[in-house]
Amino acid sequence: MSNYLQTLKDAYAGYYNFLVNEITLSYDYKPLWQNYFYLLILISVIFFGLELLTPWRKNQAKFRKDFWLDAFYMFFNFFIFSLIIFHAASDVIVNIFTDGLAAIGITNLLALEVQALPIWAHLVIGFLVRDFVQWWIHRLLHKSPFLWEFHKVHHSVEEMGFAAHLRYHWMENVVYKTLEYLPLALIGIGLNDFFIIHIFTLIVGHYNHANAKFPEWVKGIGFGTLIGLFTAFCAVEASGFGIIIIVGISALIGLLISPVIKYIFNSPEMHIWHHAYELPKDKSTGVNFGLTLSCWDYIFGTNHIPHDGRDIRLGFPGIEAFPENFGGQLIQGWTPATTTKTHSDHSETLDN
């Protein structure tokens, strides 16, 4: 027990020091682009700028309903919650889990040593495994009445924008990280790999929720450029000119495959239907569950884009009685007073 208490203490101190160093830039052991605190803010500012330049819903206010609430969620979910309990508790639980396995003779979880592969290979494998696992977890959040009560916080968004990506109940951190741990541990994904994968998915997640509209060819170039930048990062010996070549070729490939890019990556036009108030009868627990990749929905038949969903109503049945402030949403799912109907209870579903 003393070992676990020491782990808890060290984790609190370690994360506190990490967060202070991130905010104050008090370190010299990593480049600025690896500063997660300011990188998250920069990515958010860029997507807010895109919403201003090319809005999809032109009549929606620039600072839409609950914009500042969602902005607060960004700092709460990514930093404050981790500082309060999550990071320290995670370290303790991982130690308990590994000690339990060791007690029955399992000392190595690795089923595939991806670190022995080139960096691009274990990043691709790690990304695909994580996104696939997250797709199933996302379906579980909709299928389980207990978990749906927490997931309603994310679906309480009534006007879509990039910051809606950041509004979710703290229990989702617990559920996702818990169920992700074993698959990623089995392939040996390291912290640096996870950081790169997370930044890529963060960018796509912002894009999926953004009030922005782009032609297909622009999306192709955009995704190609993004993948090219991460590919160039993997090519550690690439020069400045080499990076330009890698990104240029990747952007060209993205342009060439732009007609099918929607079948690979998620988009605002697809994800808006995931947040629809009304759902088809045969998919009453949800549609379009993809977080980064849309291909899983096409493979498993949960895709649903009946028409341009720009102005559809968002939310869920009973949203009128749902807590609108952070305090009420913080305890959502734990008290009977906050329980509302599920999507499948709603009678006004679409025929499909």
Protein backbone atom coordinates (compact mmCIF):
# COMPACT_ATOMS: atom_id res chain seq x y z
CA MET A 1 0.00 0.00 0.00
CA SER A 2 2.84 2.41 0.81
CA ASN A 3 4.19 1.94 -2.71
CA TYR A 4 0.85 3.01 -4.18
CA LEU A 5 0.66 6.04 -1.88
CA GLN A 6 4.14 7.05 -2.99
CA THR A 7 3.10 6.57 -6.62
CA LEU A 8 0.11 8.83 -5.99
CA LYS A 9 2.30 11.49 -4.36
CA ASP A 10 4.93 11.34 -7.11
CA ALA A 11 2.27 11.52 -9.81
CA TYR A 12 0.68 14.63 -8.30
CA ALA A 13 4.05 16.34 -7.95
CA GLY A 14 5.17 15.24 -11.41
CA TYR A 15 2.05 16.45 -13.20
CA TYR A 16 1.99 19.73 -11.26
CA ASN A 17 5.60 20.42 -12.24
CA PHE A 18 4.89 19.41 -15.83
CA LEU A 19 1.92 21.78 -16.05
CA VAL A 20 3.82 24.69 -14.49
CA ASN A 21 6.73 24.11 -16.87
CA GLU A 22 4.36 23.94 -19.85
CA ILE A 23 2.69 27.24 -18.96
CA THR A 24 5.84 29.12 -17.98
CA LEU A 25 8.07 27.50 -20.65
CA SER A 26 10.51 26.63 -17.86
CA TYR A 27 12.36 23.83 -19.63
CA ASP A 28 15.10 23.36 -22.18
CA TYR A 29 14.70 19.67 -22.94
CA LYS A 30 12.17 19.83 -25.77
CA PRO A 31 11.27 22.14 -28.69
CA LEU A 32 8.43 24.65 -28.37
CA TRP A 33 6.21 22.74 -30.81
CA GLN A 34 6.02 19.92 -28.25
CA ASN A 35 4.47 22.25 -25.66
CA TYR A 36 1.00 20.76 -25.39
CA PHE A 37 -0.55 23.69 -23.49
CA TYR A 38 0.22 26.32 -26.11
CA LEU A 39 -0.10 23.92 -29.03
CA LEU A 40 -3.69 23.21 -27.99
CA ILE A 41 -4.41 26.95 -27.81
CA LEU A 42 -2.75 27.55 -31.20
CA ILE A 43 -4.74 24.79 -32.92
CA SER A 44 -7.95 26.17 -31.40
CA VAL A 45 -7.17 29.73 -32.54
CA ILE A 46 -6.47 28.50 -36.08
CA PHE A 47 -9.82 26.72 -36.31
CA PHE A 48 -11.62 29.70 -34.84
CA GLY A 49 -10.03 31.77 -37.60
CA LEU A 50 -11.21 29.27 -40.22
CA GLU A 51 -14.74 29.52 -38.83
CA LEU A 52 -14.58 33.29 -39.24
CA LEU A 53 -13.19 33.09 -42.79
CA THR A 54 -15.37 30.32 -44.22
CA PRO A 55 -18.42 29.71 -42.00
CA TRP A 56 -20.79 26.90 -42.98
CA ARG A 57 -23.73 28.32 -41.02
CA LYS A 58 -23.32 31.98 -41.91
CA ASN A 59 -26.13 33.15 -39.60
CA GLN A 60 -24.58 31.53 -36.55
CA ALA A 61 -22.95 34.00 -34.16
CA LYS A 62 -19.16 34.10 -34.24
CA PHE A 63 -19.17 33.44 -30.51
CA ARG A 64 -21.96 30.87 -30.67
CA LYS A 65 -24.08 29.67 -27.78
CA ASP A 66 -21.92 28.15 -25.02
CA PHE A 67 -18.66 29.09 -26.76
CA TRP A 68 -17.00 30.14 -23.50
CA LEU A 69 -18.34 27.12 -21.64
CA ASP A 70 -16.69 24.88 -24.24
CA ALA A 71 -13.48 26.91 -24.02
CA PHE A 72 -13.43 26.26 -20.28
CA TYR A 73 -13.96 22.55 -20.92
CA MET A 74 -10.75 22.58 -22.97
CA PHE A 75 -8.69 23.54 -19.92
CA PHE A 76 -10.73 21.45 -17.49
CA ASN A 77 -10.65 18.17 -19.44
CA PHE A 78 -7.08 18.44 -20.68
CA PHE A 79 -5.38 19.95 -17.64
CA ILE A 80 -7.42 20.69 -14.48
CA PHE A 81 -9.05 17.25 -14.19
CA SER A 82 -5.67 15.57 -14.70
CA LEU A 83 -4.15 17.77 -12.00
CA ILE A 84 -6.97 17.17 -9.51
CA ILE A 85 -7.13 13.39 -9.71
CA PHE A 86 -6.93 11.66 -13.08
CA HIS A 87 -3.19 11.57 -13.76
CA ALA A 88 -2.30 10.39 -10.26
CA ALA A 89 -5.15 7.86 -10.10
CA SER A 90 -4.15 6.50 -13.52
CA ASP A 91 -0.59 5.83 -12.37
CA VAL A 92 -1.85 3.98 -9.30
CA ILE A 93 -4.34 1.89 -11.28
CA VAL A 94 -1.71 0.98 -13.89
CA ASN A 95 0.63 -0.14 -11.09
CA ILE A 96 -2.12 -2.20 -9.46
CA PHE A 97 -2.96 -3.74 -12.85
CA THR A 98 0.65 -4.65 -13.68
CA ASP A 99 1.28 -5.95 -10.15
CA GLY A 100 -1.84 -8.10 -10.41
CA LEU A 101 -0.65 -9.58 -13.70
CA ALA A 102 2.81 -10.18 -12.25
CA ALA A 103 1.21 -12.09 -9.37
CA ILE A 104 -0.15 -14.62 -11.85
CA GLY A 105 3.08 -14.80 -13.83
CA ILE A 106 2.40 -12.26 -16.61
CA THR A 107 5.25 -9.76 -16.67
CA ASN A 108 5.19 -8.70 -20.31
CA LEU A 109 2.05 -7.52 -22.10
CA LEU A 110 3.71 -7.01 -25.45
CA ALA A 111 2.08 -8.97 -28.27
CA LEU A 112 3.76 -6.87 -30.98
CA GLU A 113 6.93 -4.85 -30.43
CA VAL A 114 6.15 -1.88 -32.66
CA GLN A 115 9.14 0.08 -31.34
CA ALA A 116 11.35 -2.27 -33.35
CA LEU A 117 9.69 -0.98 -36.53
CA PRO A 118 10.45 2.31 -38.31
CA ILE A 119 8.86 5.29 -36.56
CA TRP A 120 6.28 5.82 -39.33
CA ALA A 121 5.16 2.18 -38.98
CA HIS A 122 4.49 2.25 -35.24
CA LEU A 123 2.77 5.62 -35.55
CA VAL A 124 0.44 4.26 -38.24
CA ILE A 125 -0.23 1.05 -36.30
CA GLY A 126 -0.77 2.95 -33.07
CA PHE A 127 -3.13 5.41 -34.74
CA LEU A 128 -5.21 2.69 -36.43
CA VAL A 129 -5.46 0.57 -33.27
CA ARG A 130 -6.39 3.56 -31.10
CA ASP A 131 -8.95 4.94 -33.53
CA PHE A 132 -10.58 1.53 -34.01
CA VAL A 133 -10.79 0.96 -30.24
CA GLN A 134 -12.17 4.48 -29.76
CA TRP A 135 -14.83 3.85 -32.41
CA TRP A 136 -16.14 0.88 -30.41
CA ILE A 137 -15.92 2.82 -27.14
CA HIS A 138 -17.91 5.63 -28.74
CA ARG A 139 -20.60 3.14 -29.77
CA LEU A 140 -20.63 1.83 -26.20
CA LEU A 141 -21.20 5.37 -24.86
CA HIS A 142 -24.38 5.50 -26.94
CA LYS A 143 -25.49 1.90 -26.40
CA SER A 144 -25.11 1.73 -22.61
CA PRO A 145 -27.86 3.71 -20.79
CA PHE A 146 -25.44 4.31 -17.90
CA LEU A 147 -22.63 5.68 -20.08
CA TRP A 148 -25.04 7.61 -22.32
CA GLU A 149 -25.98 9.78 -19.33
CA PHE A 150 -22.37 11.02 -19.24
CA HIS A 151 -22.03 11.28 -23.01
CA LYS A 152 -25.08 13.55 -23.11
CA VAL A 153 -22.82 16.39 -21.96
CA HIS A 154 -21.08 16.29 -25.33
CA HIS A 155 -24.40 16.02 -27.15
CA SER A 156 -25.85 18.98 -25.26
CA VAL A 157 -24.18 21.24 -27.85
CA GLU A 158 -26.96 23.06 -29.71
CA GLU A 159 -24.79 25.20 -32.00
CA MET A 160 -21.79 23.46 -33.51
CA GLY A 161 -18.28 24.90 -33.54
CA PHE A 162 -14.71 23.68 -33.13
CA ALA A 163 -14.78 24.12 -29.33
CA ALA A 164 -17.68 21.64 -29.09
CA HIS A 165 -14.98 19.01 -29.57
CA LEU A 166 -13.76 19.90 -26.09
CA ARG A 167 -17.07 19.62 -24.21
CA TYR A 168 -17.38 16.19 -22.66
CA HIS A 169 -17.99 14.72 -19.21
CA TRP A 170 -14.93 13.90 -17.11
CA MET A 171 -16.11 10.27 -16.95
CA GLU A 172 -15.33 9.96 -20.66
CA ASN A 173 -11.65 10.46 -19.81
CA VAL A 174 -11.92 7.53 -17.42
CA VAL A 175 -13.79 5.28 -19.86
CA TYR A 176 -11.65 5.99 -22.91
CA LYS A 177 -8.28 5.82 -21.15
CA THR A 178 -9.21 2.66 -19.25
CA LEU A 179 -10.40 0.73 -22.32
CA GLU A 180 -7.59 2.06 -24.53
CA TYR A 181 -4.83 1.07 -22.15
CA LEU A 182 -4.61 -2.68 -22.78
CA PRO A 183 -4.71 -2.61 -26.64
CA LEU A 184 -2.04 0.11 -26.76
CA ALA A 185 0.05 -1.65 -24.11
CA LEU A 186 -0.10 -4.86 -26.14
CA ILE A 187 1.66 -3.17 -29.05
CA GLY A 188 4.05 -1.11 -26.94
CA ILE A 189 3.03 2.43 -27.91
CA GLY A 190 5.33 4.92 -26.17
CA LEU A 191 4.60 8.39 -24.80
CA ASN A 192 6.21 10.18 -27.76
CA ASP A 193 4.16 8.10 -30.19
CA PHE A 194 1.00 8.81 -28.22
CA PHE A 195 1.71 12.56 -28.22
CA ILE A 196 2.10 12.67 -32.02
CA ILE A 197 -1.01 10.53 -32.59
CA HIS A 198 -2.99 12.62 -30.12
CA ILE A 199 -2.07 15.93 -31.81
CA PHE A 200 -3.09 14.55 -35.21
CA THR A 201 -6.46 13.34 -33.89
CA LEU A 202 -6.94 16.59 -31.97
CA ILE A 203 -6.61 18.58 -35.20
CA VAL A 204 -9.08 16.32 -37.01
CA GLY A 205 -11.47 16.44 -34.04
CA HIS A 206 -11.45 20.25 -34.11
CA TYR A 207 -12.13 20.12 -37.84
CA ASN A 208 -15.03 17.67 -37.47
CA HIS A 209 -16.84 20.00 -35.09
CA ALA A 210 -15.93 23.27 -36.80
CA ASN A 211 -18.49 25.58 -38.35
CA ALA A 212 -16.49 25.59 -41.57
CA LYS A 213 -17.07 24.49 -45.15
CA PHE A 214 -14.44 23.53 -47.71
CA PRO A 215 -14.58 22.05 -51.23
CA GLU A 216 -13.52 18.40 -51.50
CA TRP A 217 -10.26 19.30 -53.24
CA VAL A 218 -9.32 21.64 -50.41
CA LYS A 219 -10.03 18.88 -47.88
CA GLY A 220 -7.80 16.53 -49.88
CA ILE A 221 -4.93 19.00 -49.94
CA GLY A 222 -5.44 19.81 -46.27
CA PHE A 223 -5.34 16.19 -45.11
CA GLY A 224 -2.45 15.47 -47.47
CA THR A 225 -0.47 18.39 -46.10
CA LEU A 226 -1.18 17.37 -42.51
CA ILE A 227 -0.09 13.79 -43.15
CA GLY A 228 2.96 15.10 -45.01
CA LEU A 229 4.01 17.20 -42.02
CA PHE A 230 3.80 14.19 -39.72
CA THR A 231 5.64 12.07 -42.29
CA ALA A 232 8.38 14.69 -42.49
CA PHE A 233 8.64 14.60 -38.71
CA CYS A 234 9.24 10.85 -38.92
CA ALA A 235 12.04 11.41 -41.43
CA VAL A 236 14.43 12.66 -38.75
CA GLU A 237 17.23 13.24 -41.26
CA ALA A 238 15.09 15.28 -43.66
CA SER A 239 16.47 18.72 -44.50
CA GLY A 240 14.37 21.83 -44.97
CA PHE A 241 14.12 21.16 -48.71
CA GLY A 242 13.40 17.50 -48.09
CA ILE A 243 10.51 18.43 -45.80
CA ILE A 244 9.05 20.66 -48.52
CA ILE A 245 9.28 17.77 -51.01
CA ILE A 246 7.62 15.31 -48.60
CA VAL A 247 4.78 17.71 -47.76
CA GLY A 248 4.32 18.68 -51.42
CA ILE A 249 4.05 15.08 -52.61
CA SER A 250 1.66 14.24 -49.77
CA ALA A 251 -0.52 17.27 -50.59
CA LEU A 252 -0.60 16.21 -54.27
CA ILE A 253 -1.66 12.68 -53.31
CA GLY A 254 -4.35 14.20 -51.10
CA LEU A 255 -5.60 16.26 -54.04
CA LEU A 256 -5.73 13.19 -56.29
CA ILE A 257 -7.75 11.14 -53.79
CA SER A 258 -9.97 14.05 -52.71
CA PRO A 259 -13.12 12.47 -54.27
CA VAL A 260 -12.85 9.58 -51.78
CA ILE A 261 -11.37 11.44 -48.80
CA LYS A 262 -14.80 11.52 -47.10
CA TYR A 263 -14.78 7.71 -46.97
CA ILE A 264 -11.48 7.80 -45.07
CA PHE A 265 -11.55 10.82 -42.75
CA ASN A 266 -14.39 12.35 -40.77
CA SER A 267 -15.75 15.78 -41.67
CA PRO A 268 -18.17 18.47 -40.37
CA GLU A 269 -20.75 17.35 -42.95
CA MET A 270 -20.65 13.81 -41.59
CA HIS A 271 -20.22 14.52 -37.90
CA ILE A 272 -23.11 17.00 -37.76
CA TRP A 273 -25.45 14.01 -38.21
CA HIS A 274 -23.90 12.32 -35.20
CA HIS A 275 -25.20 15.26 -33.16
CA ALA A 276 -28.66 15.28 -34.78
CA TYR A 277 -31.65 15.58 -32.48
CA GLU A 278 -33.62 13.14 -34.62
CA LEU A 279 -32.20 9.79 -35.69
CA PRO A 280 -33.45 7.12 -38.12
CA LYS A 281 -35.54 4.33 -36.59
CA ASP A 282 -33.07 1.61 -37.54
CA LYS A 283 -30.15 3.52 -35.95
CA SER A 284 -31.82 4.95 -32.86
CA THR A 285 -28.70 4.69 -30.68
CA GLY A 286 -26.56 6.79 -32.99
CA VAL A 287 -24.82 7.18 -36.33
CA ASN A 288 -21.40 8.25 -37.62
CA PHE A 289 -19.37 7.19 -34.59
CA GLY A 290 -15.98 7.82 -36.21
CA LEU A 291 -13.68 10.11 -34.25
CA THR A 292 -10.91 10.59 -36.81
CA LEU A 293 -11.58 7.96 -39.47
CA SER A 294 -14.97 7.66 -41.13
CA CYS A 295 -14.16 4.31 -42.77
CA TRP A 296 -15.30 2.31 -39.72
CA ASP A 297 -18.85 3.64 -40.13
CA TYR A 298 -18.92 2.65 -43.80
CA ILE A 299 -17.48 -0.77 -42.99
CA PHE A 300 -19.93 -1.51 -40.16
CA GLY A 301 -22.96 0.20 -41.69
CA THR A 302 -23.42 3.02 -39.17
CA ASN A 303 -22.90 5.80 -41.73
CA HIS A 304 -25.80 8.21 -42.23
CA ILE A 305 -25.70 11.38 -44.37
CA PRO A 306 -29.18 11.68 -45.92
CA HIS A 307 -28.67 15.29 -47.10
CA ASP A 308 -26.84 18.50 -46.31
CA GLY A 309 -27.25 18.71 -42.54
CA ARG A 310 -26.18 22.32 -42.16
CA ASP A 311 -29.30 23.54 -40.37
CA ILE A 312 -30.58 20.40 -38.64
CA ARG A 313 -31.53 20.58 -34.97
CA LEU A 314 -28.81 19.34 -32.63
CA GLY A 315 -29.08 17.68 -29.24
CA PHE A 316 -31.31 14.91 -27.92
CA PRO A 317 -34.85 14.42 -26.57
CA GLY A 318 -35.07 16.08 -23.17
CA ILE A 319 -32.31 18.59 -23.80
CA GLU A 320 -34.63 21.36 -22.68
CA ALA A 321 -34.30 20.12 -19.09
CA PHE A 322 -30.57 19.38 -19.34
CA PRO A 323 -28.17 21.38 -17.11
CA GLU A 324 -26.78 24.38 -19.00
CA ASN A 325 -23.97 25.25 -16.58
CA PHE A 326 -20.71 23.50 -15.82
CA GLY A 327 -21.69 22.64 -12.25
CA GLY A 328 -24.84 20.82 -13.33
CA GLN A 329 -23.03 19.01 -16.14
CA LEU A 330 -20.22 18.03 -13.77
CA ILE A 331 -22.56 15.78 -11.78
CA GLN A 332 -24.61 14.68 -14.79
CA GLY A 333 -25.21 10.93 -14.75
CA TRP A 334 -24.74 10.50 -11.01
CA THR A 335 -28.05 11.84 -9.73
CA PRO A 336 -31.60 10.75 -10.70
CA ALA A 337 -32.59 14.39 -11.18
CA THR A 338 -30.29 14.74 -14.17
CA THR A 339 -31.53 11.63 -15.98
CA THR A 340 -33.39 12.26 -19.26
CA LYS A 341 -34.66 10.11 -22.10
CA THR A 342 -32.38 8.30 -24.49
CA HIS A 343 -32.44 8.78 -28.23
CA SER A 344 -34.19 5.45 -28.64
CA ASP A 345 -37.07 6.60 -26.38
CA HIS A 346 -37.89 9.40 -28.79
CA SER A 347 -40.90 8.81 -31.02
CA GLU A 348 -40.15 11.54 -33.54
CA THR A 349 -37.48 9.61 -35.42
CA LEU A 350 -36.82 9.86 -39.12
CA ASP A 351 -37.94 7.15 -41.50
CA ASN A 352 -35.01 5.70 -43.36
